[in-house]
Protein backbone atom coordinates (compact mmCIF):
# COMPACT_ATOMS: atom_id res chain seq x y z
CA MET A 1 42.88 68.79 131.39
CA TYR A 2 46.08 70.58 132.24
CA ALA A 3 49.35 70.39 130.28
CA ARG A 4 51.23 69.03 133.21
CA ASP A 5 48.84 65.87 133.04
CA ASN A 6 50.73 64.81 129.82
CA VAL A 7 54.23 65.55 131.11
CA ALA A 8 56.27 62.65 132.47
CA GLY A 9 58.13 63.37 135.78
CA ALA A 10 61.90 63.45 135.98
CA SER A 11 62.11 60.04 137.49
CA ASP A 12 59.79 58.50 134.81
CA LEU A 13 62.21 59.97 132.18
CA GLN A 14 65.32 58.66 134.00
CA GLN A 15 63.86 55.12 134.14
CA ARG A 16 63.38 55.20 130.31
CA LEU A 17 66.98 56.34 129.57
CA PRO A 18 69.46 53.70 128.40
CA GLY A 19 71.95 52.55 131.04
CA ASP A 20 75.42 53.84 131.21
CA PRO A 21 76.98 50.70 129.63
CA ASP A 22 74.70 50.87 126.66
CA VAL A 23 75.42 54.61 126.12
CA GLU A 24 79.12 54.08 126.47
CA ALA A 25 79.19 51.17 123.99
CA ALA A 26 76.96 53.23 121.52
CA THR A 27 79.18 56.20 121.79
CA GLN A 28 82.32 54.16 121.03
CA MET A 29 80.61 52.72 118.03
CA LEU A 30 79.64 56.07 116.76
CA GLN A 31 83.12 57.40 117.24
CA MET A 32 84.50 54.67 115.21
CA LEU A 33 82.10 55.46 112.38
CA ALA A 34 82.77 59.22 112.55
CA ASP A 35 85.98 58.78 110.42
CA PRO A 36 85.38 59.15 106.53
CA THR A 37 87.55 56.32 105.62
CA ARG A 38 86.08 53.99 108.21
CA LEU A 39 82.52 54.87 107.15
CA ARG A 40 83.32 54.20 103.57
CA LEU A 41 84.87 50.79 104.51
CA MET A 42 81.81 49.98 106.64
CA SER A 43 79.53 50.95 103.64
CA LEU A 44 81.46 48.46 101.38
CA LEU A 45 81.57 45.64 104.13
CA GLY A 46 77.82 46.01 104.61
CA GLU A 47 77.50 44.73 100.94
CA GLY A 48 79.45 41.63 101.70
CA GLU A 49 82.94 40.23 102.43
CA HIS A 50 86.02 41.82 100.85
CA ASP A 51 89.69 41.47 101.29
CA VAL A 52 92.13 44.31 101.95
CA THR A 53 93.29 44.57 98.26
CA ALA A 54 89.69 45.15 97.03
CA LEU A 55 89.12 47.66 99.83
CA VAL A 56 92.29 49.56 99.11
CA ALA A 57 91.28 49.82 95.30
CA ALA A 58 87.81 50.97 96.36
CA VAL A 59 88.63 53.41 98.93
CA GLY A 60 91.76 54.80 97.18
CA THR A 61 94.00 55.00 100.05
CA THR A 62 97.13 53.03 101.08
CA ARG A 63 97.18 49.42 102.20
CA PRO A 64 98.56 50.16 105.61
CA ALA A 65 96.01 52.89 106.23
CA VAL A 66 93.13 50.49 105.34
CA SER A 67 94.69 47.69 107.44
CA GLN A 68 94.90 50.10 110.41
CA HIS A 69 91.28 51.18 110.10
CA LEU A 70 90.11 47.57 109.75
CA GLY A 71 92.05 46.69 112.89
CA LYS A 72 90.36 49.49 114.80
CA LEU A 73 86.81 48.48 113.42
CA ARG A 74 87.72 44.90 114.44
CA LEU A 75 88.79 45.80 117.99
CA ALA A 76 85.56 47.82 118.35
CA GLY A 77 83.53 44.79 117.43
CA LEU A 78 82.09 46.32 114.24
CA VAL A 79 83.70 44.00 111.73
CA SER A 80 84.63 40.33 111.70
CA VAL A 81 87.34 38.58 109.71
CA ARG A 82 87.62 34.98 108.47
CA ARG A 83 90.46 33.29 106.65
CA ASP A 84 90.17 31.91 103.18
CA GLY A 85 93.69 30.41 102.60
CA ARG A 86 96.07 33.36 102.83
CA ARG A 87 93.45 35.95 102.32
CA ALA A 88 91.59 37.71 105.14
CA LEU A 89 88.04 38.49 104.31
CA TYR A 90 86.29 41.26 106.29
CA ARG A 91 82.61 41.98 106.78
CA THR A 92 80.26 43.86 109.13
CA ARG A 93 79.73 41.98 112.24
CA ASP A 94 75.88 42.23 112.41
CA GLY A 95 72.73 43.60 110.82
CA HIS A 96 72.31 46.27 113.41
CA VAL A 97 75.72 47.78 112.28
CA ARG A 98 74.86 47.35 108.50
CA ARG A 99 71.51 49.15 109.04
CA LEU A 100 73.04 51.95 111.00
CA VAL A 101 75.61 52.67 108.43
CA ALA A 102 72.96 52.42 105.60
CA GLU A 103 70.58 54.73 107.44
CA VAL A 104 73.08 57.42 108.31
CA LEU A 105 74.26 57.50 104.74
CA HIS A 106 70.60 57.76 103.45
CA ALA A 107 69.92 60.57 105.94
CA ALA A 108 73.00 62.43 104.74
CA ALA A 109 71.90 62.03 101.03
CA HIS A 110 68.50 63.36 101.90
CA ARG A 111 70.11 66.39 103.61
CA ILE A 112 72.36 67.02 100.60
CA THR A 113 69.74 66.67 97.97
CA GLY A 114 66.85 68.29 99.91
CA GLU A 115 64.73 65.11 99.51
CA PRO A 116 62.04 64.94 102.26
CA GLU A 117 62.84 63.00 105.42
CA HIS A 118 61.08 59.84 106.23
CA ASP A 119 59.19 59.00 109.40
């Protein structure tokens, strides 16, 4: 048996690559999450619905800054909003995003504490 027998050809690998639209959408999502304030907001919103006042208090930044970040996250399709009277309640849009945020934060915690990685 030769090593080349276990190696996929370039065309095989190219067929397994995600398409350009998928990669572009994923890149945009990750760019939105690369901001510390937005990542904190997404972590909180992954736990449930919150209004801007609660998010401002939790994140410790100004109301206009939180509103601007929420607007960007909403435009990127990462959060949704629903009205409850005069209040706007924000939450993560879907389970994929919730799990992505949770996993990246867990991976970071493992890196910081030196705890072994999971398979």
